[in-house]
Amino acid sequence: MIQVASILTSSLDHPGSLSLSIYLPHCNLDCISCHNRELARGEVPNLPIEDLIWELENNFLVDLVVISGGEPTVHGKKLLDLIELIRSIRDIPIRVDTNGFLPEVMELIADRVDGFALDIKAPPLNREKYELIVRRRYEPERLIRSVRVAADLPYTIFRTVRYPWLTDSDIEEIRDFLAVYGGGRPHFINPYLDPAQLSIERS
């Protein structure tokens, strides 16, 4: 079974919903302002799967399950197994958070989930700026493929962090891109929070 790092009931993850957020470790990117670096590196405890099952069976306040990370799609078939487990316990919409770098996994699970929260980190057709942020090789064609998969589902949203190095023109390019490929799904601009400052506030 897939490793689960933590679970949380949240009113912030999806507009108008109270979600049960499931956090999975590991990520395929190394974003320069990652807020979950320990999670992305897998440096987290392993939550017993029984704890998740208990929440699914008993937490009737939530009306949505959000599978987040890290990057859930790096788990491949194990992610599908987790989704099937959730569906076997509870009839509830499921959204998966993703960076869109693994469209083949999104396609694998697309008919078993109700949406994606897909992060658009920079103008998608600007390879240089995208790679500056994610610090990995970026292929625009694969992100376009992922966006098309996500755009077909009712709970899909697109998100962009307003990094200090993104210009107004960059934001407009992202919006223009989603106007073509995003299927009319909502696009949210989230404020940038300095991870170093957050670490000071938590300590």
N, C-alpha and C. Protein backbone atom coordinates (compact mmCIF):
# COMPACT_ATOMS: atom_id res chain seq x y z
N MET A 1 0.84 -1.20 0.00
CA MET A 1 0.00 0.00 0.00
C MET A 1 0.88 1.25 0.00
N ILE A 2 0.38 2.31 -0.55
CA ILE A 2 1.08 3.57 -0.63
C ILE A 2 1.36 4.15 0.76
N GLN A 3 2.48 4.86 0.90
CA GLN A 3 2.78 5.53 2.16
C GLN A 3 1.99 6.82 2.27
N VAL A 4 1.35 7.04 3.41
CA VAL A 4 0.63 8.28 3.71
C VAL A 4 1.40 9.00 4.80
N ALA A 5 1.70 10.28 4.58
CA ALA A 5 2.47 11.05 5.56
C ALA A 5 1.58 11.66 6.63
N SER A 6 0.42 12.21 6.22
CA SER A 6 -0.49 12.83 7.18
C SER A 6 -1.84 13.06 6.54
N ILE A 7 -2.84 13.34 7.38
CA ILE A 7 -4.18 13.70 6.91
C ILE A 7 -4.65 14.90 7.70
N LEU A 8 -5.51 15.69 7.07
CA LEU A 8 -5.96 16.94 7.69
C LEU A 8 -7.33 17.30 7.15
N THR A 9 -8.22 17.76 8.02
CA THR A 9 -9.50 18.32 7.58
C THR A 9 -9.29 19.80 7.31
N SER A 10 -9.66 20.25 6.11
CA SER A 10 -9.34 21.62 5.70
C SER A 10 -10.50 22.27 4.96
N SER A 11 -10.69 23.56 5.22
CA SER A 11 -11.68 24.34 4.47
C SER A 11 -11.01 25.21 3.41
N LEU A 12 -9.69 25.06 3.24
CA LEU A 12 -8.92 25.95 2.36
C LEU A 12 -8.55 25.31 1.02
N ASP A 13 -8.63 24.00 0.93
CA ASP A 13 -8.06 23.33 -0.24
C ASP A 13 -8.91 23.42 -1.50
N HIS A 14 -10.22 23.51 -1.34
CA HIS A 14 -11.07 23.59 -2.53
C HIS A 14 -12.22 24.55 -2.27
N PRO A 15 -12.51 25.44 -3.20
CA PRO A 15 -13.58 26.44 -2.99
C PRO A 15 -14.92 25.79 -2.65
N GLY A 16 -15.50 26.21 -1.53
CA GLY A 16 -16.84 25.77 -1.16
C GLY A 16 -16.92 24.37 -0.59
N SER A 17 -15.77 23.75 -0.28
CA SER A 17 -15.78 22.38 0.23
C SER A 17 -14.97 22.28 1.51
N LEU A 18 -15.37 21.34 2.35
CA LEU A 18 -14.57 20.94 3.50
C LEU A 18 -13.94 19.61 3.12
N SER A 19 -12.63 19.59 3.03
CA SER A 19 -11.97 18.43 2.46
C SER A 19 -11.20 17.63 3.50
N LEU A 20 -11.09 16.34 3.24
CA LEU A 20 -10.15 15.49 3.94
C LEU A 20 -8.91 15.43 3.05
N SER A 21 -7.84 16.10 3.49
CA SER A 21 -6.62 16.20 2.68
C SER A 21 -5.64 15.11 3.10
N ILE A 22 -5.20 14.34 2.13
CA ILE A 22 -4.27 13.24 2.35
C ILE A 22 -2.94 13.63 1.72
N TYR A 23 -1.89 13.65 2.53
CA TYR A 23 -0.58 14.10 2.04
C TYR A 23 0.34 12.89 1.81
N LEU A 24 0.84 12.79 0.59
CA LEU A 24 1.74 11.72 0.21
C LEU A 24 3.16 12.26 0.06
N PRO A 25 4.17 11.49 0.45
CA PRO A 25 5.54 11.97 0.34
C PRO A 25 6.11 11.82 -1.07
N HIS A 26 7.24 12.50 -1.30
CA HIS A 26 8.07 12.42 -2.51
C HIS A 26 7.53 13.33 -3.63
N CYS A 27 8.49 13.84 -4.39
CA CYS A 27 8.17 14.72 -5.52
C CYS A 27 9.24 14.56 -6.59
N ASN A 28 8.84 14.81 -7.83
CA ASN A 28 9.77 14.71 -8.96
C ASN A 28 10.38 16.06 -9.35
N LEU A 29 10.04 17.13 -8.63
CA LEU A 29 10.60 18.46 -8.90
C LEU A 29 11.42 18.92 -7.70
N ASP A 30 12.13 20.02 -7.90
CA ASP A 30 12.94 20.62 -6.83
C ASP A 30 12.71 22.13 -6.86
N CYS A 31 11.46 22.54 -6.72
CA CYS A 31 11.08 23.94 -6.89
C CYS A 31 11.84 24.84 -5.90
N ILE A 32 12.22 26.01 -6.37
CA ILE A 32 13.11 26.87 -5.59
C ILE A 32 12.44 27.42 -4.35
N SER A 33 11.14 27.43 -4.27
CA SER A 33 10.46 27.93 -3.06
C SER A 33 9.46 26.91 -2.54
N CYS A 34 9.88 25.64 -2.47
CA CYS A 34 9.00 24.58 -1.99
C CYS A 34 8.66 24.80 -0.52
N HIS A 35 7.37 24.71 -0.18
CA HIS A 35 6.93 24.87 1.20
C HIS A 35 6.82 23.53 1.93
N ASN A 36 7.02 22.44 1.21
CA ASN A 36 6.89 21.12 1.81
C ASN A 36 8.14 20.27 1.50
N ARG A 37 9.32 20.84 1.73
CA ARG A 37 10.54 20.17 1.29
C ARG A 37 10.76 18.83 1.99
N GLU A 38 10.47 18.76 3.31
CA GLU A 38 10.63 17.48 4.01
C GLU A 38 9.69 16.43 3.42
N LEU A 39 8.47 16.85 3.11
CA LEU A 39 7.51 15.94 2.50
C LEU A 39 7.99 15.52 1.11
N ALA A 40 8.47 16.47 0.34
CA ALA A 40 8.94 16.19 -1.02
C ALA A 40 10.12 15.21 -1.01
N ARG A 41 10.95 15.29 0.02
CA ARG A 41 12.10 14.38 0.13
C ARG A 41 11.75 13.06 0.79
N GLY A 42 10.54 12.93 1.29
CA GLY A 42 10.14 11.71 1.97
C GLY A 42 10.62 11.62 3.39
N GLU A 43 11.02 12.77 3.96
CA GLU A 43 11.54 12.79 5.33
C GLU A 43 10.40 13.01 6.32
N VAL A 44 9.46 12.08 6.32
CA VAL A 44 8.25 12.21 7.13
C VAL A 44 7.88 10.86 7.70
N PRO A 45 7.11 10.84 8.80
CA PRO A 45 6.67 9.55 9.35
C PRO A 45 5.63 8.89 8.46
N ASN A 46 5.44 7.61 8.69
CA ASN A 46 4.47 6.83 7.93
C ASN A 46 3.20 6.69 8.76
N LEU A 47 2.10 7.31 8.30
CA LEU A 47 0.83 7.22 9.03
C LEU A 47 0.19 5.86 8.76
N PRO A 48 -0.23 5.16 9.79
CA PRO A 48 -0.90 3.87 9.56
C PRO A 48 -2.13 4.04 8.66
N ILE A 49 -2.27 3.16 7.70
CA ILE A 49 -3.39 3.25 6.78
C ILE A 49 -4.72 3.12 7.52
N GLU A 50 -4.70 2.48 8.69
CA GLU A 50 -5.91 2.33 9.50
C GLU A 50 -6.44 3.69 9.95
N ASP A 51 -5.53 4.65 10.16
CA ASP A 51 -5.96 6.00 10.55
C ASP A 51 -6.75 6.67 9.42
N LEU A 52 -6.28 6.48 8.20
CA LEU A 52 -7.00 7.03 7.05
C LEU A 52 -8.36 6.34 6.89
N ILE A 53 -8.39 5.04 7.02
CA ILE A 53 -9.66 4.31 6.90
C ILE A 53 -10.65 4.79 7.96
N TRP A 54 -10.17 5.01 9.20
CA TRP A 54 -11.06 5.50 10.25
C TRP A 54 -11.65 6.85 9.87
N GLU A 55 -10.83 7.75 9.34
CA GLU A 55 -11.33 9.08 8.94
C GLU A 55 -12.38 8.96 7.85
N LEU A 56 -12.14 8.12 6.88
CA LEU A 56 -13.09 7.94 5.79
C LEU A 56 -14.42 7.38 6.29
N GLU A 57 -14.34 6.52 7.28
CA GLU A 57 -15.56 5.88 7.80
C GLU A 57 -16.31 6.75 8.79
N ASN A 58 -15.61 7.71 9.42
CA ASN A 58 -16.22 8.43 10.54
C ASN A 58 -16.29 9.95 10.40
N ASN A 59 -15.51 10.53 9.53
CA ASN A 59 -15.51 11.99 9.40
C ASN A 59 -16.52 12.42 8.34
N PHE A 60 -17.76 12.61 8.79
CA PHE A 60 -18.83 12.95 7.84
C PHE A 60 -19.00 14.46 7.66
N LEU A 61 -18.09 15.24 8.23
CA LEU A 61 -18.09 16.67 7.98
C LEU A 61 -17.57 16.98 6.58
N VAL A 62 -16.67 16.14 6.08
CA VAL A 62 -16.01 16.44 4.80
C VAL A 62 -16.89 16.01 3.63
N ASP A 63 -16.79 16.78 2.55
CA ASP A 63 -17.54 16.45 1.35
C ASP A 63 -16.65 16.28 0.12
N LEU A 64 -15.33 16.17 0.36
CA LEU A 64 -14.37 16.01 -0.72
C LEU A 64 -13.10 15.41 -0.14
N VAL A 65 -12.46 14.52 -0.88
CA VAL A 65 -11.12 14.04 -0.53
C VAL A 65 -10.12 14.69 -1.48
N VAL A 66 -9.07 15.27 -0.92
CA VAL A 66 -7.99 15.85 -1.71
C VAL A 66 -6.73 15.04 -1.46
N ILE A 67 -6.14 14.50 -2.50
CA ILE A 67 -4.87 13.77 -2.39
C ILE A 67 -3.77 14.72 -2.85
N SER A 68 -2.89 15.07 -1.92
CA SER A 68 -1.89 16.09 -2.18
C SER A 68 -0.50 15.55 -1.87
N GLY A 69 0.49 16.44 -1.85
CA GLY A 69 1.85 15.99 -1.61
C GLY A 69 2.73 17.12 -1.14
N GLY A 70 4.02 17.00 -1.48
CA GLY A 70 4.61 16.09 -2.44
C GLY A 70 3.95 16.13 -3.81
N GLU A 71 4.16 15.06 -4.55
CA GLU A 71 3.54 14.91 -5.86
C GLU A 71 2.91 13.53 -5.96
N PRO A 72 1.58 13.45 -5.83
CA PRO A 72 0.91 12.14 -5.81
C PRO A 72 1.19 11.26 -7.02
N THR A 73 1.35 11.84 -8.20
CA THR A 73 1.47 11.01 -9.40
C THR A 73 2.77 10.22 -9.47
N VAL A 74 3.78 10.57 -8.64
CA VAL A 74 5.02 9.78 -8.68
C VAL A 74 4.79 8.36 -8.18
N HIS A 75 3.65 8.11 -7.54
CA HIS A 75 3.36 6.78 -6.99
C HIS A 75 2.69 5.86 -8.01
N GLY A 76 2.34 6.40 -9.19
CA GLY A 76 1.84 5.57 -10.27
C GLY A 76 0.66 4.70 -9.89
N LYS A 77 0.79 3.39 -10.13
CA LYS A 77 -0.31 2.44 -9.88
C LYS A 77 -0.73 2.43 -8.41
N LYS A 78 0.20 2.71 -7.49
CA LYS A 78 -0.16 2.74 -6.08
C LYS A 78 -1.14 3.88 -5.78
N LEU A 79 -1.05 4.97 -6.55
CA LEU A 79 -2.01 6.06 -6.40
C LEU A 79 -3.40 5.58 -6.80
N LEU A 80 -3.49 4.86 -7.90
CA LEU A 80 -4.77 4.30 -8.31
C LEU A 80 -5.32 3.35 -7.25
N ASP A 81 -4.45 2.55 -6.64
CA ASP A 81 -4.89 1.64 -5.58
C ASP A 81 -5.47 2.41 -4.39
N LEU A 82 -4.82 3.55 -4.04
CA LEU A 82 -5.34 4.38 -2.95
C LEU A 82 -6.71 4.94 -3.31
N ILE A 83 -6.87 5.41 -4.53
CA ILE A 83 -8.16 5.94 -4.97
C ILE A 83 -9.24 4.86 -4.90
N GLU A 84 -8.90 3.65 -5.33
CA GLU A 84 -9.85 2.55 -5.28
C GLU A 84 -10.21 2.21 -3.83
N LEU A 85 -9.24 2.29 -2.92
CA LEU A 85 -9.53 2.04 -1.51
C LEU A 85 -10.52 3.06 -0.99
N ILE A 86 -10.28 4.34 -1.30
CA ILE A 86 -11.19 5.40 -0.86
C ILE A 86 -12.59 5.14 -1.40
N ARG A 87 -12.70 4.80 -2.67
CA ARG A 87 -14.00 4.57 -3.29
C ARG A 87 -14.71 3.36 -2.69
N SER A 88 -13.93 2.37 -2.23
CA SER A 88 -14.55 1.18 -1.64
C SER A 88 -15.14 1.48 -0.27
N ILE A 89 -14.69 2.57 0.36
CA ILE A 89 -15.15 2.92 1.71
C ILE A 89 -16.22 3.98 1.68
N ARG A 90 -16.09 4.93 0.75
CA ARG A 90 -16.95 6.12 0.80
C ARG A 90 -17.26 6.63 -0.59
N ASP A 91 -18.50 6.97 -0.82
CA ASP A 91 -18.92 7.59 -2.08
C ASP A 91 -18.75 9.10 -1.93
N ILE A 92 -17.59 9.61 -2.34
CA ILE A 92 -17.24 11.01 -2.12
C ILE A 92 -16.36 11.48 -3.27
N PRO A 93 -16.52 12.72 -3.74
CA PRO A 93 -15.64 13.20 -4.81
C PRO A 93 -14.18 13.20 -4.38
N ILE A 94 -13.30 12.96 -5.34
CA ILE A 94 -11.86 12.91 -5.10
C ILE A 94 -11.16 13.85 -6.07
N ARG A 95 -10.27 14.69 -5.51
CA ARG A 95 -9.43 15.58 -6.32
C ARG A 95 -7.97 15.24 -6.04
N VAL A 96 -7.14 15.25 -7.07
CA VAL A 96 -5.71 14.99 -6.91
C VAL A 96 -4.93 16.24 -7.28
N ASP A 97 -4.03 16.65 -6.39
CA ASP A 97 -3.15 17.79 -6.67
C ASP A 97 -1.94 17.30 -7.46
N THR A 98 -1.50 18.08 -8.44
CA THR A 98 -0.40 17.62 -9.28
C THR A 98 0.33 18.78 -9.94
N ASN A 99 1.58 18.53 -10.28
CA ASN A 99 2.35 19.50 -11.07
C ASN A 99 2.22 19.26 -12.57
N GLY A 100 1.55 18.17 -12.96
CA GLY A 100 1.30 17.91 -14.37
C GLY A 100 2.46 17.35 -15.15
N PHE A 101 3.52 16.94 -14.47
CA PHE A 101 4.70 16.43 -15.18
C PHE A 101 4.57 14.96 -15.58
N LEU A 102 3.54 14.27 -15.08
CA LEU A 102 3.34 12.85 -15.40
C LEU A 102 1.94 12.64 -15.98
N PRO A 103 1.71 13.10 -17.20
CA PRO A 103 0.36 12.98 -17.79
C PRO A 103 -0.11 11.55 -17.93
N GLU A 104 0.82 10.61 -18.09
CA GLU A 104 0.41 9.22 -18.24
C GLU A 104 -0.24 8.69 -16.96
N VAL A 105 0.20 9.17 -15.80
CA VAL A 105 -0.44 8.75 -14.54
C VAL A 105 -1.79 9.45 -14.40
N MET A 106 -1.86 10.71 -14.78
CA MET A 106 -3.15 11.40 -14.76
C MET A 106 -4.17 10.68 -15.64
N GLU A 107 -3.73 10.22 -16.81
CA GLU A 107 -4.62 9.48 -17.70
C GLU A 107 -5.04 8.15 -17.07
N LEU A 108 -4.13 7.52 -16.33
CA LEU A 108 -4.43 6.25 -15.67
C LEU A 108 -5.56 6.40 -14.66
N ILE A 109 -5.59 7.53 -13.94
CA ILE A 109 -6.56 7.69 -12.85
C ILE A 109 -7.74 8.58 -13.22
N ALA A 110 -7.74 9.17 -14.40
CA ALA A 110 -8.71 10.22 -14.74
C ALA A 110 -10.16 9.76 -14.63
N ASP A 111 -10.44 8.50 -14.95
CA ASP A 111 -11.84 8.05 -14.90
C ASP A 111 -12.23 7.57 -13.50
N ARG A 112 -11.32 7.71 -12.52
CA ARG A 112 -11.63 7.32 -11.14
C ARG A 112 -11.59 8.50 -10.17
N VAL A 113 -11.31 9.70 -10.69
CA VAL A 113 -11.30 10.90 -9.86
C VAL A 113 -12.26 11.93 -10.45
N ASP A 114 -12.51 12.98 -9.66
CA ASP A 114 -13.46 14.00 -10.08
C ASP A 114 -12.80 15.32 -10.48
N GLY A 115 -11.48 15.37 -10.35
CA GLY A 115 -10.78 16.58 -10.74
C GLY A 115 -9.34 16.57 -10.29
N PHE A 116 -8.61 17.59 -10.76
CA PHE A 116 -7.23 17.82 -10.39
C PHE A 116 -7.06 19.27 -9.98
N ALA A 117 -6.12 19.52 -9.09
CA ALA A 117 -5.62 20.88 -8.89
C ALA A 117 -4.25 20.90 -9.52
N LEU A 118 -4.15 21.53 -10.68
CA LEU A 118 -2.92 21.49 -11.46
C LEU A 118 -2.19 22.81 -11.33
N ASP A 119 -0.96 22.74 -10.83
CA ASP A 119 -0.16 23.94 -10.64
C ASP A 119 0.51 24.36 -11.94
N ILE A 120 0.25 25.59 -12.34
CA ILE A 120 0.92 26.18 -13.49
C ILE A 120 1.95 27.16 -12.94
N LYS A 121 3.21 26.80 -12.97
CA LYS A 121 4.23 27.50 -12.21
C LYS A 121 4.85 28.68 -12.94
N ALA A 122 4.66 28.75 -14.25
CA ALA A 122 5.22 29.82 -15.09
C ALA A 122 4.50 29.77 -16.43
N PRO A 123 4.75 30.72 -17.32
CA PRO A 123 4.13 30.61 -18.65
C PRO A 123 4.49 29.27 -19.28
N PRO A 124 3.50 28.43 -19.58
CA PRO A 124 3.78 27.05 -20.00
C PRO A 124 4.58 26.93 -21.29
N LEU A 125 4.58 27.94 -22.13
CA LEU A 125 5.34 27.85 -23.38
C LEU A 125 6.74 28.44 -23.25
N ASN A 126 7.10 28.88 -22.04
CA ASN A 126 8.41 29.45 -21.77
C ASN A 126 9.25 28.42 -21.01
N ARG A 127 9.94 27.58 -21.76
CA ARG A 127 10.70 26.48 -21.15
C ARG A 127 11.75 27.00 -20.17
N GLU A 128 12.45 28.07 -20.54
CA GLU A 128 13.53 28.59 -19.70
C GLU A 128 13.00 29.04 -18.34
N LYS A 129 11.91 29.79 -18.32
CA LYS A 129 11.38 30.29 -17.06
C LYS A 129 10.81 29.15 -16.22
N TYR A 130 10.17 28.18 -16.87
CA TYR A 130 9.62 27.05 -16.13
C TYR A 130 10.73 26.26 -15.46
N GLU A 131 11.81 26.00 -16.20
CA GLU A 131 12.91 25.22 -15.63
C GLU A 131 13.64 25.98 -14.55
N LEU A 132 13.62 27.31 -14.61
CA LEU A 132 14.21 28.12 -13.54
C LEU A 132 13.51 27.84 -12.21
N ILE A 133 12.20 27.65 -12.25
CA ILE A 133 11.41 27.43 -11.03
C ILE A 133 11.47 25.98 -10.56
N VAL A 134 11.29 25.03 -11.48
CA VAL A 134 11.17 23.63 -11.06
C VAL A 134 12.51 22.92 -10.95
N ARG A 135 13.55 23.47 -11.57
CA ARG A 135 14.90 22.92 -11.54
C ARG A 135 14.96 21.47 -12.01
N ARG A 136 14.15 21.20 -13.02
CA ARG A 136 14.13 19.91 -13.71
C ARG A 136 13.86 20.18 -15.20
N ARG A 137 14.13 19.17 -16.03
CA ARG A 137 13.81 19.30 -17.45
C ARG A 137 12.30 19.43 -17.61
N TYR A 138 11.89 20.38 -18.44
CA TYR A 138 10.47 20.65 -18.64
C TYR A 138 10.12 20.50 -20.11
N GLU A 139 9.03 19.79 -20.39
CA GLU A 139 8.55 19.58 -21.76
C GLU A 139 7.13 20.14 -21.87
N PRO A 140 6.97 21.29 -22.54
CA PRO A 140 5.65 21.92 -22.64
C PRO A 140 4.56 20.98 -23.16
N GLU A 141 4.92 20.10 -24.09
CA GLU A 141 3.92 19.22 -24.68
C GLU A 141 3.29 18.30 -23.63
N ARG A 142 4.08 17.89 -22.65
CA ARG A 142 3.56 17.00 -21.61
C ARG A 142 2.62 17.76 -20.67
N LEU A 143 2.94 19.01 -20.38
CA LEU A 143 2.04 19.80 -19.54
C LEU A 143 0.72 20.07 -20.28
N ILE A 144 0.79 20.36 -21.56
CA ILE A 144 -0.43 20.56 -22.35
C ILE A 144 -1.30 19.30 -22.29
N ARG A 145 -0.67 18.15 -22.41
CA ARG A 145 -1.39 16.88 -22.32
C ARG A 145 -2.08 16.75 -20.97
N SER A 146 -1.38 17.12 -19.90
CA SER A 146 -1.95 17.04 -18.55
C SER A 146 -3.12 18.00 -18.38
N VAL A 147 -2.96 19.22 -18.87
CA VAL A 147 -4.01 20.22 -18.75
C VAL A 147 -5.27 19.74 -19.47
N ARG A 148 -5.11 19.13 -20.61
CA ARG A 148 -6.26 18.62 -21.36
C ARG A 148 -6.98 17.52 -20.59
N VAL A 149 -6.23 16.65 -19.94
CA VAL A 149 -6.85 15.61 -19.11
C VAL A 149 -7.66 16.25 -17.98
N ALA A 150 -7.03 17.20 -17.29
CA ALA A 150 -7.67 17.83 -16.13
C ALA A 150 -8.90 18.64 -16.53
N ALA A 151 -8.84 19.28 -17.67
CA ALA A 151 -9.91 20.20 -18.08
C ALA A 151 -11.25 19.52 -18.27
N ASP A 152 -11.26 18.21 -18.43
CA ASP A 152 -12.51 17.49 -18.67
C ASP A 152 -13.28 17.16 -17.39
N LEU A 153 -12.70 17.46 -16.22
CA LEU A 153 -13.29 16.99 -14.97
C LEU A 153 -13.87 18.13 -14.14
N PRO A 154 -15.01 17.90 -13.47
CA PRO A 154 -15.77 19.00 -12.85
C PRO A 154 -15.08 19.66 -11.65
N TYR A 155 -14.24 18.93 -10.92
CA TYR A 155 -13.61 19.50 -9.73
C TYR A 155 -12.22 20.07 -10.01
N THR A 156 -11.86 20.18 -11.27
CA THR A 156 -10.53 20.69 -11.62
C THR A 156 -10.42 22.19 -11.38
N ILE A 157 -9.28 22.58 -10.80
CA ILE A 157 -8.89 23.98 -10.73
C ILE A 157 -7.43 24.08 -11.16
N PHE A 158 -7.06 25.26 -11.63
CA PHE A 158 -5.66 25.55 -11.94
C PHE A 158 -5.16 26.60 -10.96
N ARG A 159 -3.89 26.48 -10.56
CA ARG A 159 -3.34 27.37 -9.55
C ARG A 159 -1.97 27.89 -9.98
N THR A 160 -1.72 29.15 -9.67
CA THR A 160 -0.41 29.74 -9.90
C THR A 160 0.00 30.53 -8.67
N VAL A 161 1.17 30.24 -8.15
CA VAL A 161 1.73 31.05 -7.07
C VAL A 161 2.33 32.32 -7.69
N ARG A 162 2.03 33.46 -7.07
CA ARG A 162 2.52 34.75 -7.60
C ARG A 162 3.95 34.97 -7.09
N TYR A 163 4.87 34.14 -7.66
CA TYR A 163 6.27 34.27 -7.29
C TYR A 163 6.77 35.68 -7.62
N PRO A 164 7.70 36.22 -6.83
CA PRO A 164 8.21 37.57 -7.11
C PRO A 164 8.84 37.71 -8.49
N TRP A 165 9.33 36.62 -9.04
CA TRP A 165 9.99 36.69 -10.34
C TRP A 165 9.03 36.49 -11.51
N LEU A 166 7.74 36.33 -11.24
CA LEU A 166 6.75 36.32 -12.31
C LEU A 166 6.24 37.73 -12.55
N THR A 167 6.26 38.16 -13.79
CA THR A 167 5.79 39.50 -14.14
C THR A 167 4.30 39.47 -14.45
N ASP A 168 3.70 40.66 -14.56
CA ASP A 168 2.30 40.74 -14.98
C ASP A 168 2.12 40.10 -16.35
N SER A 169 3.11 40.28 -17.21
CA SER A 169 3.05 39.67 -18.54
C SER A 169 3.06 38.15 -18.46
N ASP A 170 3.84 37.60 -17.53
CA ASP A 170 3.86 36.15 -17.33
C ASP A 170 2.48 35.64 -16.92
N ILE A 171 1.84 36.35 -16.00
CA ILE A 171 0.51 35.95 -15.54
C ILE A 171 -0.48 35.98 -16.70
N GLU A 172 -0.40 36.99 -17.52
CA GLU A 172 -1.28 37.08 -18.67
C GLU A 172 -1.04 35.93 -19.64
N GLU A 173 0.23 35.54 -19.83
CA GLU A 173 0.54 34.41 -20.70
C GLU A 173 -0.07 33.12 -20.16
N ILE A 174 -0.02 32.94 -18.84
CA ILE A 174 -0.63 31.76 -18.23
C ILE A 174 -2.14 31.77 -18.46
N ARG A 175 -2.76 32.92 -18.25
CA ARG A 175 -4.21 33.02 -18.46
C ARG A 175 -4.58 32.77 -19.92
N ASP A 176 -3.78 33.29 -20.85
CA ASP A 176 -4.05 33.06 -22.27
C ASP A 176 -3.92 31.57 -22.61
N PHE A 177 -2.92 30.94 -22.03
CA PHE A 177 -2.72 29.50 -22.25
C PHE A 177 -3.93 28.71 -21.76
N LEU A 178 -4.41 29.03 -20.56
CA LEU A 178 -5.55 28.30 -20.00
C LEU A 178 -6.84 28.62 -20.74
N ALA A 179 -6.93 29.80 -21.33
CA ALA A 179 -8.10 30.12 -22.13
C ALA A 179 -8.20 29.19 -23.35
N VAL A 180 -7.05 28.72 -23.82
CA VAL A 180 -7.03 27.81 -24.97
C VAL A 180 -7.20 26.36 -24.53
N TYR A 181 -6.49 25.95 -23.47
CA TYR A 181 -6.42 24.53 -23.11
C TYR A 181 -7.18 24.16 -21.83
N GLY A 182 -7.59 25.14 -21.02
CA GLY A 182 -8.09 24.85 -19.68
C GLY A 182 -9.56 24.53 -19.57
N GLY A 183 -10.29 24.53 -20.65
CA GLY A 183 -11.69 24.11 -20.62
C GLY A 183 -12.60 24.98 -19.77
N GLY A 184 -12.19 26.21 -19.49
CA GLY A 184 -13.01 27.11 -18.69
C GLY A 184 -12.99 26.84 -17.20
N ARG A 185 -12.10 25.96 -16.74
CA ARG A 185 -12.01 25.67 -15.31
C ARG A 185 -11.37 26.86 -14.58
N PRO A 186 -11.69 27.03 -13.29
CA PRO A 186 -11.18 28.20 -12.55
C PRO A 186 -9.66 28.22 -12.46
N HIS A 187 -9.12 29.43 -12.46
CA HIS A 187 -7.67 29.64 -12.28
C HIS A 187 -7.48 30.60 -11.12
N PHE A 188 -6.73 30.15 -10.11
CA PHE A 188 -6.50 30.95 -8.92
C PHE A 188 -5.05 31.40 -8.85
N ILE A 189 -4.84 32.66 -8.50
CA ILE A 189 -3.52 33.19 -8.22
C ILE A 189 -3.33 33.21 -6.71
N ASN A 190 -2.41 32.40 -6.22
CA ASN A 190 -2.16 32.31 -4.79
C ASN A 190 -0.98 33.19 -4.39
N PRO A 191 -1.05 33.81 -3.23
CA PRO A 191 0.05 34.69 -2.81
C PRO A 191 1.32 33.90 -2.54
N TYR A 192 2.44 34.55 -2.76
CA TYR A 192 3.74 33.95 -2.47
C TYR A 192 4.08 34.13 -0.99
N LEU A 193 4.44 33.03 -0.35
CA LEU A 193 4.88 33.07 1.05
C LEU A 193 6.32 32.57 1.10
N ASP A 194 7.21 33.37 1.65
CA ASP A 194 8.63 33.01 1.71
C ASP A 194 8.83 31.83 2.66
N PRO A 195 9.33 30.68 2.16
CA PRO A 195 9.51 29.52 3.05
C PRO A 195 10.44 29.81 4.23
N ALA A 196 11.45 30.62 4.03
CA ALA A 196 12.35 30.96 5.13
C ALA A 196 11.62 31.71 6.23
N GLN A 197 10.75 32.63 5.85
CA GLN A 197 9.98 33.38 6.84
C GLN A 197 9.00 32.47 7.57
N LEU A 198 8.40 31.53 6.82
CA LEU A 198 7.46 30.60 7.45
C LEU A 198 8.19 29.73 8.48
N SER A 199 9.43 29.33 8.18
CA SER A 199 10.19 28.51 9.12
C SER A 199 10.46 29.26 10.41
N ILE A 200 10.74 30.56 10.30
CA ILE A 200 10.97 31.39 11.48
C ILE A 200 9.71 31.50 12.32
N GLU A 201 8.55 31.70 11.64
CA GLU A 201 7.28 31.85 12.34
C GLU A 201 6.88 30.55 13.03
N ARG A 202 7.23 29.38 12.46
CA ARG A 202 6.85 28.11 13.06
C ARG A 202 7.73 27.74 14.26
N SER A 203 8.95 28.29 14.27
CA SER A 203 9.90 27.91 15.33
C SER A 203 9.65 28.67 16.63
